[in-house]
Amino acid sequence: MFETLSDRLAESLGRLSRKGRLTEQDVDNAMREVRRALLEADVNFKVARDFVASVRERAVGQDVLKSLTPGQTVIGIVNEELVTILGAEREPLRNPDRPPQILMLVGLQGSGKTTHAAKLAAHLRKDGRSPLMVAGDVYRPAAINQLQALGRQINIPVYEEGVNSDPVNIAINGVAHARERGLNPVIIDTAGRLQIDEPMMQELVNVEQRVHPTEILLVADAMTGQEAVNVADAFNQKLSITGLILTKMDGDARGGAALSIRSVTGIPIKFIGSGEKIDALEPFYPQRLASRILGMGDVVSLIERAQEQTSEADALKMQDRLVKGQFNLEDFLDQLQKVKKMGPLSQLLELIPGMGSQLRQAKAEISDDDYKQIEAIIRSMTNTERRNPHIIDGRRRRRIARGSGTSREEVSQLLKQFSEMQKMMSQIGSMAKKGRLPKNMPFDLG
């Protein structure tokens, strides 16, 4: 996500951070490079110009230039200004005075409306809600079938009336269906076109006027850059767009749409799609994305993903095993399965602070195929071997290597790494027992 822009900003701002003191000329040179990086990332010209002007105005103040760490202070200013153009604060979905909450998804054909209707439904169900998806796209071949298939996949009901029905009536009847059955929210998938045209817009206006949606969410492809901004502006002129879902953010190496769209249109980004899986939808937090762009990571999102995969009871049980020095290869395999569910390894690396400049190298050295190799090796062991790795001698290693399609050396390397991990876990457990860990550490026993 934003690899090109992140690399360019890291290069420009890194030179500032290495200087003991800064001059106005140093700041001007850096801002010229930042402006060029933003324009190459397809950021709107006016947004890039205003951003650089704001940063420079704050950065050339005497308090900054004379500070002990002027370069870091400027980076902090850049971070704050990035947050500002991204929207400052997260804007959650609105709640109506009377249920159900009606979420109408609009956008061009191919932007991912149908898929993101299902992603949004799955996301909102995590809060204990009971969504209903409404198949309002009667023009695109197989759109209704696609939504029904997604509904079966995530076990969420779909209301449809076939391809010969009027989309406005489908929306009205879908909302009535939800009210009768106590389903909430209602997510209406509407038809898109290859380009914006008057009949398309009028149909959407008619749906809006009849069902009065709580939110009209525009689904836009982040990889189209400035075109996504233009599409948002065009839709907003006809409809009361209340929020954006930017899709394909995981493939957007530039970032022009995300960095421009709020400033140009005034429409807040509410969610970002970051992958093909049904759970690859994240609430949009300006502060978190700004940190990712600057290579500062996003620890909060990383923790949230981890918490989704582990119950409190499981976490306490694992903590107890760690403290007692009982962590074995079965536990390691279980934790590996949870990490895999958190998303692609490359995405997880982006959330770790300090990985920005090293991310390319790390991706080259560590791939998602490593997951599969480790799993294959551990699954080729007997239950006794997983629980007691120390008994794995040369003969057992040869058998495990044959069973996993790896070499004896690779099996030995995994066992060595795991042994070192066990020692570290044992030390942490010993410190926890003696009360030597800080109170905010996860292994605190007090």
Protein backbone atom coordinates (compact mmCIF):
# COMPACT_ATOMS: atom_id res chain seq x y z
CA MET A 1 0.00 0.00 0.00
CA PHE A 2 1.48 3.35 -1.14
CA GLU A 3 4.90 1.74 -1.64
CA THR A 4 6.11 4.27 -4.23
CA LEU A 5 4.98 7.31 -2.26
CA SER A 6 6.29 5.91 1.03
CA ASP A 7 9.72 5.26 -0.45
CA ARG A 8 9.96 8.74 -1.96
CA LEU A 9 8.87 10.47 1.26
CA ALA A 10 11.23 8.33 3.34
CA GLU A 11 14.11 9.31 1.06
CA SER A 12 13.29 13.04 1.14
CA LEU A 13 12.53 13.32 4.84
CA GLY A 14 15.34 10.92 5.82
CA ARG A 15 17.91 13.43 4.62
CA LEU A 16 16.39 16.05 6.94
CA SER A 17 16.41 13.75 9.97
CA ARG A 18 20.16 13.10 9.52
CA LYS A 19 21.06 16.78 9.77
CA GLY A 20 22.07 18.24 13.14
CA ARG A 21 20.54 21.60 12.32
CA LEU A 22 18.32 22.84 9.52
CA THR A 23 18.17 25.97 7.43
CA GLU A 24 15.25 27.34 5.44
CA GLN A 25 17.06 26.18 2.31
CA ASP A 26 17.16 22.60 3.66
CA VAL A 27 13.40 22.72 4.26
CA ASP A 28 12.74 24.22 0.82
CA ASN A 29 14.79 21.50 -0.88
CA ALA A 30 12.96 18.76 1.01
CA MET A 31 9.54 20.28 0.29
CA ARG A 32 10.37 20.50 -3.41
CA GLU A 33 11.05 16.75 -3.39
CA VAL A 34 7.90 16.05 -1.34
CA ARG A 35 5.80 18.04 -3.81
CA ARG A 36 7.27 16.12 -6.72
CA ALA A 37 6.61 12.82 -4.92
CA LEU A 38 2.97 13.75 -4.31
CA LEU A 39 2.41 14.75 -7.94
CA GLU A 40 4.03 11.52 -9.17
CA ALA A 41 1.67 9.67 -6.81
CA ASP A 42 -1.22 11.25 -8.76
CA VAL A 43 -2.24 13.54 -5.90
CA ASN A 44 -4.38 16.47 -7.01
CA PHE A 45 -2.18 19.47 -7.94
CA LYS A 46 -3.96 21.92 -5.60
CA VAL A 47 -3.89 19.43 -2.72
CA ALA A 48 -0.15 18.85 -3.20
CA ARG A 49 0.54 22.59 -3.44
CA ASP A 50 -1.46 23.46 -0.32
CA PHE A 51 0.03 20.55 1.63
CA VAL A 52 3.62 21.60 0.92
CA ALA A 53 2.82 25.25 1.69
CA SER A 54 1.32 24.31 5.09
CA VAL A 55 4.27 22.11 6.02
CA ARG A 56 6.82 24.73 4.99
CA GLU A 57 5.06 27.50 6.90
CA ARG A 58 5.20 25.47 10.10
CA ALA A 59 8.66 23.98 9.48
CA VAL A 60 10.60 27.23 9.02
CA GLY A 61 9.54 28.61 12.39
CA GLN A 62 12.34 29.37 14.84
CA ASP A 63 11.09 26.77 17.32
CA VAL A 64 11.62 24.07 14.71
CA LEU A 65 14.88 25.19 13.17
CA LYS A 66 16.50 25.68 16.59
CA SER A 67 15.17 22.50 18.18
CA LEU A 68 17.51 19.67 19.16
CA THR A 69 15.92 17.31 16.61
CA PRO A 70 14.68 19.59 13.83
CA GLY A 71 14.44 16.80 11.23
CA GLN A 72 12.19 14.66 13.43
CA THR A 73 10.07 17.71 14.23
CA VAL A 74 9.51 18.34 10.50
CA ILE A 75 8.54 14.69 10.00
CA GLY A 76 6.03 15.12 12.83
CA ILE A 77 4.59 18.16 11.03
CA VAL A 78 4.33 16.18 7.77
CA ASN A 79 2.48 13.45 9.66
CA GLU A 80 0.01 15.93 11.14
CA GLU A 81 -0.64 17.58 7.77
CA LEU A 82 -1.17 14.16 6.16
CA VAL A 83 -3.77 13.39 8.81
CA THR A 84 -5.48 16.71 8.06
CA ILE A 85 -5.87 16.10 4.30
CA LEU A 86 -6.99 12.51 4.95
CA GLY A 87 -9.82 13.77 7.13
CA ALA A 88 -8.44 14.36 10.66
CA GLU A 89 -10.84 12.02 12.53
CA ARG A 90 -12.56 8.75 11.70
CA GLU A 91 -16.18 9.23 10.66
CA PRO A 92 -18.27 6.16 11.57
CA LEU A 93 -21.50 5.17 9.84
CA ARG A 94 -24.52 7.18 10.89
CA ASN A 95 -27.37 5.63 12.85
CA PRO A 96 -30.98 6.49 11.96
CA ASP A 97 -33.62 7.57 14.47
CA ARG A 98 -35.69 4.55 13.44
CA PRO A 99 -34.21 1.25 12.27
CA PRO A 100 -33.21 -0.22 9.99
CA GLN A 101 -30.01 1.53 9.00
CA ILE A 102 -30.08 1.69 5.19
CA LEU A 103 -26.74 1.68 3.37
CA MET A 104 -26.96 2.32 -0.38
CA LEU A 105 -23.85 1.40 -2.38
CA VAL A 106 -23.24 3.23 -5.67
CA GLY A 107 -20.38 3.40 -8.17
CA LEU A 108 -19.20 2.53 -11.65
CA GLN A 109 -19.30 -1.02 -12.97
CA GLY A 110 -16.19 -2.91 -11.93
CA SER A 111 -15.52 -0.83 -8.82
CA GLY A 112 -16.44 -3.75 -6.56
CA LYS A 113 -19.89 -2.76 -5.25
CA THR A 114 -21.32 -6.27 -5.07
CA THR A 115 -18.24 -7.76 -3.38
CA HIS A 116 -18.04 -4.87 -0.93
CA ALA A 117 -21.74 -5.17 -0.10
CA ALA A 118 -20.87 -8.62 1.25
CA LYS A 119 -17.67 -7.40 2.92
CA LEU A 120 -19.59 -4.61 4.63
CA ALA A 121 -22.31 -7.01 5.76
CA ALA A 122 -19.72 -9.40 7.22
CA HIS A 123 -17.95 -6.52 8.95
CA LEU A 124 -21.12 -5.14 10.55
CA ARG A 125 -22.23 -8.57 11.71
CA LYS A 126 -19.20 -8.68 14.00
CA ASP A 127 -21.06 -6.20 16.22
CA GLY A 128 -23.89 -8.68 16.69
CA ARG A 129 -26.09 -7.19 13.98
CA SER A 130 -28.26 -9.03 11.43
CA PRO A 131 -27.69 -7.54 7.97
CA LEU A 132 -29.80 -8.02 4.85
CA MET A 133 -28.33 -7.54 1.39
CA VAL A 134 -30.63 -6.31 -1.39
CA ALA A 135 -29.82 -7.26 -5.01
CA GLY A 136 -30.67 -4.06 -6.87
CA ASP A 137 -28.39 -4.53 -9.89
CA VAL A 138 -30.69 -6.00 -12.55
CA TYR A 139 -28.54 -5.03 -15.54
CA ARG A 140 -25.13 -6.65 -15.08
CA PRO A 141 -25.18 -10.32 -16.06
CA ALA A 142 -25.01 -12.61 -13.02
CA ALA A 143 -24.92 -9.71 -10.50
CA ILE A 144 -27.82 -11.20 -8.54
CA ASN A 145 -26.25 -14.67 -8.63
CA GLN A 146 -22.96 -13.23 -7.43
CA LEU A 147 -24.60 -11.53 -4.43
CA GLN A 148 -26.53 -14.71 -3.58
CA ALA A 149 -23.34 -16.78 -3.74
CA LEU A 150 -21.58 -14.31 -1.44
CA GLY A 151 -24.59 -14.37 0.90
CA ARG A 152 -24.40 -18.17 1.16
CA GLN A 153 -20.65 -17.96 1.75
CA ILE A 154 -21.05 -15.66 4.77
CA ASN A 155 -24.51 -16.91 5.79
CA ILE A 156 -26.26 -13.54 5.32
CA PRO A 157 -29.71 -13.35 3.62
CA VAL A 158 -30.20 -11.71 0.23
CA TYR A 159 -33.45 -10.11 -0.97
CA GLU A 160 -33.99 -10.28 -4.75
CA GLU A 161 -36.84 -10.12 -7.26
CA GLY A 162 -35.05 -11.21 -10.43
CA VAL A 163 -33.79 -9.29 -13.45
CA ASN A 164 -37.20 -8.17 -14.74
CA SER A 165 -38.13 -6.06 -11.71
CA ASP A 166 -37.75 -2.32 -11.22
CA PRO A 167 -34.67 -1.44 -9.09
CA VAL A 168 -36.61 1.25 -7.17
CA ASN A 169 -39.32 -1.24 -6.19
CA ILE A 170 -36.69 -3.82 -5.25
CA ALA A 171 -35.11 -1.31 -2.85
CA ILE A 172 -38.48 -0.34 -1.33
CA ASN A 173 -39.59 -3.96 -0.92
CA GLY A 174 -36.19 -4.97 0.44
CA VAL A 175 -36.39 -2.38 3.22
CA ALA A 176 -39.97 -3.50 4.05
CA HIS A 177 -38.75 -7.12 4.12
CA ALA A 178 -36.03 -6.18 6.60
CA ARG A 179 -38.46 -4.30 8.88
CA GLU A 180 -40.87 -7.25 8.96
CA ARG A 181 -38.10 -9.64 10.02
CA GLY A 182 -36.11 -7.33 12.30
CA LEU A 183 -33.05 -7.33 10.03
CA ASN A 184 -30.65 -4.41 10.37
CA PRO A 185 -28.75 -2.95 8.53
CA VAL A 186 -30.05 -3.11 4.95
CA ILE A 187 -27.28 -2.96 2.35
CA ILE A 188 -28.56 -2.11 -1.15
CA ASP A 189 -26.36 -3.12 -4.09
CA THR A 190 -27.17 -0.86 -7.06
CA ALA A 191 -26.33 -1.04 -10.75
CA GLY A 192 -23.22 0.57 -12.18
CA ARG A 193 -22.24 1.60 -15.68
CA LEU A 194 -18.96 1.69 -17.54
CA GLN A 195 -19.33 5.45 -17.44
CA ILE A 196 -21.60 7.97 -15.74
CA ASP A 197 -24.78 8.64 -17.71
CA GLU A 198 -28.09 10.40 -17.07
CA PRO A 199 -30.37 7.29 -16.92
CA MET A 200 -28.05 5.68 -14.37
CA MET A 201 -28.00 8.77 -12.16
CA GLN A 202 -31.74 9.29 -12.37
CA GLU A 203 -32.39 5.73 -11.28
CA LEU A 204 -30.12 6.19 -8.25
CA VAL A 205 -31.82 9.52 -7.43
CA ASN A 206 -35.21 7.73 -7.55
CA VAL A 207 -33.98 5.05 -5.14
CA GLU A 208 -32.63 7.73 -2.80
CA GLN A 209 -35.92 9.66 -2.83
CA ARG A 210 -38.03 6.57 -2.13
CA VAL A 211 -36.05 4.71 0.55
CA HIS A 212 -34.22 7.67 2.19
CA PRO A 213 -30.94 5.81 2.90
CA THR A 214 -29.04 6.53 6.09
CA GLU A 215 -25.83 6.53 4.09
CA ILE A 216 -25.02 6.62 0.37
CA LEU A 217 -21.57 5.07 0.06
CA LEU A 218 -19.62 5.48 -3.16
CA VAL A 219 -17.44 2.47 -3.96
CA ALA A 220 -14.39 3.70 -5.89
CA ASP A 221 -11.26 1.97 -7.21
CA ALA A 222 -8.23 3.55 -5.49
CA MET A 223 -5.91 2.39 -8.28
CA THR A 224 -7.56 4.78 -10.76
CA GLY A 225 -6.05 7.75 -8.87
CA GLN A 226 -7.42 11.11 -10.02
CA GLU A 227 -10.18 9.38 -11.99
CA ALA A 228 -11.60 8.13 -8.67
CA VAL A 229 -11.68 11.74 -7.47
CA ASN A 230 -13.49 12.82 -10.65
CA VAL A 231 -16.02 9.99 -10.28
CA ALA A 232 -16.68 10.96 -6.65
CA ASP A 233 -17.20 14.58 -7.66
CA ALA A 234 -19.64 13.59 -10.44
CA PHE A 235 -21.71 11.30 -8.20
CA ASN A 236 -21.76 13.91 -5.45
CA GLN A 237 -23.30 16.48 -7.79
CA LYS A 238 -26.38 14.26 -8.27
CA LEU A 239 -26.59 12.30 -5.01
CA SER A 240 -26.03 13.10 -1.35
CA ILE A 241 -22.88 10.97 -1.06
CA THR A 242 -22.09 10.58 2.64
CA GLY A 243 -19.00 8.40 2.51
CA LEU A 244 -16.51 6.46 0.43
CA ILE A 245 -15.29 2.89 0.28
CA LEU A 246 -11.93 2.88 -1.49
CA THR A 247 -11.24 -0.56 -2.97
CA LYS A 248 -7.99 -2.23 -4.10
CA MET A 249 -5.96 -0.22 -1.60
CA ASP A 250 -3.57 -3.17 -1.28
CA GLY A 251 -2.60 -2.70 -4.93
CA ASP A 252 -2.36 1.11 -4.84
CA ALA A 253 1.36 1.93 -4.82
CA ARG A 254 0.72 5.64 -5.44
CA GLY A 255 -2.03 6.89 -3.12
CA GLY A 256 -3.38 9.77 -5.19
CA ALA A 257 -7.06 8.96 -4.63
CA ALA A 258 -6.83 8.53 -0.85
CA LEU A 259 -4.79 11.70 -0.41
CA SER A 260 -6.91 13.88 -2.70
CA ILE A 261 -10.50 12.78 -2.45
CA ARG A 262 -11.45 14.31 0.92
CA SER A 263 -9.89 17.69 0.16
CA VAL A 264 -11.40 17.92 -3.34
CA THR A 265 -14.90 16.56 -2.68
CA GLY A 266 -15.37 16.98 1.06
CA ILE A 267 -16.59 13.36 1.26
CA PRO A 268 -15.07 11.30 4.10
CA ILE A 269 -13.49 7.91 3.47
CA LYS A 270 -15.30 5.45 5.74
CA PHE A 271 -13.81 2.08 4.73
CA ILE A 272 -10.90 0.75 2.68
CA GLY A 273 -10.80 -2.58 0.88
CA SER A 274 -7.37 -4.16 1.30
CA GLY A 275 -7.61 -7.57 -0.33
CA GLU A 276 -9.81 -10.13 -2.04
CA LYS A 277 -10.93 -12.05 1.05
CA ILE A 278 -14.35 -11.33 2.49
CA ASP A 279 -12.82 -9.97 5.72
CA ALA A 280 -10.44 -7.60 3.88
CA LEU A 281 -12.36 -4.45 4.78
CA GLU A 282 -11.05 -1.95 7.34
CA PRO A 283 -12.64 1.10 8.95
CA PHE A 284 -10.70 4.14 7.76
CA TYR A 285 -8.60 5.96 10.35
CA PRO A 286 -6.69 8.98 8.96
CA GLN A 287 -4.06 8.84 11.72
CA ARG A 288 -3.30 5.18 11.07
CA LEU A 289 -2.98 5.57 7.31
CA ALA A 290 -0.71 8.61 7.67
CA SER A 291 1.56 6.54 9.92
CA ARG A 292 1.69 3.74 7.35
CA ILE A 293 2.55 6.17 4.55
CA LEU A 294 5.49 7.52 6.59
CA GLY A 295 6.70 4.02 7.50
CA MET A 296 5.71 4.41 11.17
CA GLY A 297 3.52 1.30 11.13
CA ASP A 298 0.09 0.83 12.64
CA VAL A 299 0.33 -1.12 15.87
CA VAL A 300 -3.32 -0.49 16.83
CA SER A 301 -4.61 -2.18 13.67
CA LEU A 302 -2.16 -5.05 14.17
CA ILE A 303 -3.45 -5.62 17.73
CA GLU A 304 -7.07 -5.44 16.55
CA ARG A 305 -6.43 -8.07 13.90
CA ALA A 306 -4.77 -10.33 16.48
CA GLN A 307 -7.66 -9.91 18.93
CA GLU A 308 -10.13 -10.99 16.24
CA GLN A 309 -8.35 -14.34 15.97
CA THR A 310 -7.90 -15.10 19.69
CA SER A 311 -10.49 -15.24 22.45
CA GLU A 312 -9.60 -13.96 25.91
CA ALA A 313 -9.76 -17.51 27.31
CA ASP A 314 -7.35 -18.80 24.64
CA ALA A 315 -4.98 -15.89 25.27
CA LEU A 316 -4.90 -16.59 29.01
CA LYS A 317 -4.37 -20.30 28.40
CA MET A 318 -1.45 -19.58 26.06
CA GLN A 319 -0.01 -17.08 28.55
CA ASP A 320 -0.10 -19.75 31.24
CA ARG A 321 1.73 -22.25 29.00
CA LEU A 322 4.37 -19.66 28.14
CA VAL A 323 4.95 -18.79 31.78
CA LYS A 324 5.30 -22.48 32.69
CA GLY A 325 7.72 -23.13 29.83
CA GLN A 326 5.30 -25.56 28.14
CA PHE A 327 5.18 -23.85 24.74
CA ASN A 328 5.71 -26.56 22.10
CA LEU A 329 5.42 -27.06 18.33
CA GLU A 330 1.67 -27.77 18.58
CA ASP A 331 1.23 -24.35 20.19
CA PHE A 332 3.48 -22.81 17.55
CA LEU A 333 1.41 -24.34 14.73
CA ASP A 334 -1.80 -23.05 16.35
CA GLN A 335 -0.37 -19.53 16.58
CA LEU A 336 0.81 -19.74 12.98
CA GLN A 337 -2.75 -20.55 11.86
CA LYS A 338 -4.00 -17.43 13.68
CA VAL A 339 -1.33 -15.25 12.06
CA LYS A 340 -2.35 -16.53 8.61
CA LYS A 341 -5.93 -15.45 9.26
CA MET A 342 -4.75 -11.93 10.05
CA GLY A 343 -3.88 -11.37 6.39
CA PRO A 344 -1.00 -11.65 3.91
CA LEU A 345 2.43 -11.45 5.50
CA SER A 346 3.33 -8.43 3.35
CA GLN A 347 0.37 -6.48 4.82
CA LEU A 348 1.30 -7.42 8.38
CA LEU A 349 4.85 -6.15 7.82
CA GLU A 350 3.46 -2.74 6.84
CA LEU A 351 1.82 -2.45 10.28
CA ILE A 352 5.10 -2.92 12.17
CA PRO A 353 6.83 0.38 13.10
CA GLY A 354 10.19 0.89 11.43
CA MET A 355 9.50 -1.56 8.62
CA GLY A 356 8.89 1.15 6.02
CA SER A 357 12.41 1.41 4.65
CA GLN A 358 13.09 -2.31 5.08
CA LEU A 359 9.77 -3.56 3.71
CA ARG A 360 10.97 -4.31 0.18
CA GLN A 361 13.90 -6.37 1.48
CA ALA A 362 11.72 -8.16 4.03
CA LYS A 363 9.17 -9.07 1.37
CA ALA A 364 11.95 -10.51 -0.74
CA GLU A 365 13.27 -12.63 2.14
CA ILE A 366 9.95 -13.67 3.69
CA SER A 367 6.98 -14.81 1.65
CA ASP A 368 3.64 -16.41 2.41
CA ASP A 369 5.14 -19.66 1.06
CA ASP A 370 7.24 -19.79 4.23
CA TYR A 371 4.01 -20.37 6.16
CA LYS A 372 3.33 -23.45 4.04
CA GLN A 373 6.82 -24.89 4.47
CA ILE A 374 6.77 -24.51 8.26
CA GLU A 375 3.29 -26.05 8.42
CA ALA A 376 4.35 -28.96 6.22
CA ILE A 377 7.35 -29.72 8.44
CA ILE A 378 5.37 -29.61 11.69
CA ARG A 379 2.46 -31.63 10.25
CA SER A 380 4.94 -34.34 9.18
CA MET A 381 5.86 -34.88 12.84
CA THR A 382 4.06 -37.22 15.20
CA ASN A 383 2.10 -35.77 18.12
CA THR A 384 4.85 -36.93 20.46
CA GLU A 385 7.51 -35.15 18.39
CA ARG A 386 5.53 -31.89 18.32
CA ARG A 387 5.18 -31.95 22.09
CA ASN A 388 8.79 -33.01 22.68
CA PRO A 389 10.96 -31.57 19.86
CA HIS A 390 14.15 -32.56 21.70
CA ILE A 391 13.59 -36.24 20.80
CA ILE A 392 13.88 -35.54 17.06
CA ASP A 393 17.19 -37.15 16.09
CA GLY A 394 18.80 -37.58 12.68
CA ARG A 395 16.61 -40.54 11.66
CA ARG A 396 13.43 -38.70 12.59
CA ARG A 397 14.62 -35.57 10.75
CA ARG A 398 15.12 -37.55 7.54
CA ARG A 399 11.61 -38.99 7.83
CA ILE A 400 10.07 -35.55 8.52
CA ALA A 401 11.96 -34.05 5.56
CA ARG A 402 10.63 -36.76 3.21
CA GLY A 403 7.09 -36.31 4.50
CA SER A 404 7.13 -32.52 4.12
CA GLY A 405 8.94 -32.32 0.79
CA THR A 406 11.82 -30.39 2.36
CA SER A 407 15.45 -31.11 3.19
CA ARG A 408 16.93 -32.37 6.42
CA GLU A 409 18.77 -29.05 6.73
CA GLU A 410 15.50 -27.10 6.56
CA VAL A 411 13.99 -29.29 9.28
CA SER A 412 17.08 -28.74 11.44
CA GLN A 413 16.93 -24.99 10.88
CA LEU A 414 13.29 -24.84 12.01
CA LEU A 415 14.06 -26.89 15.12
CA LYS A 416 17.01 -24.65 15.96
CA GLN A 417 14.93 -21.49 15.58
CA PHE A 418 12.17 -22.99 17.69
CA SER A 419 14.66 -23.99 20.40
CA GLU A 420 15.88 -20.40 20.59
CA MET A 421 12.28 -19.20 20.77
CA GLN A 422 11.59 -21.63 23.63
CA LYS A 423 14.56 -20.27 25.58
CA MET A 424 13.32 -16.71 25.15
CA MET A 425 9.79 -17.72 26.23
CA SER A 426 11.22 -19.52 29.26
CA GLN A 427 13.16 -16.40 30.29
CA ILE A 428 10.03 -14.25 29.96
CA GLY A 429 8.10 -16.78 32.04
CA SER A 430 10.79 -16.81 34.73
CA MET A 431 10.80 -13.01 34.90
CA ALA A 432 7.00 -12.97 35.12
CA LYS A 433 7.02 -15.41 38.03
CA LYS A 434 9.48 -13.22 39.92
CA GLY A 435 7.48 -10.06 39.16
CA ARG A 436 10.30 -8.47 37.20
CA LEU A 437 8.25 -7.48 34.17
CA PRO A 438 6.72 -4.00 33.81
CA LYS A 439 3.08 -3.81 34.86
CA ASN A 440 1.88 -3.17 31.29
CA MET A 441 3.52 -6.30 29.87
CA PRO A 442 1.10 -9.00 28.66
CA PHE A 443 2.68 -11.61 30.96
CA ASP A 444 2.14 -9.63 34.16
CA LEU A 445 0.87 -12.08 36.79
CA GLY A 446 0.04 -9.53 39.45
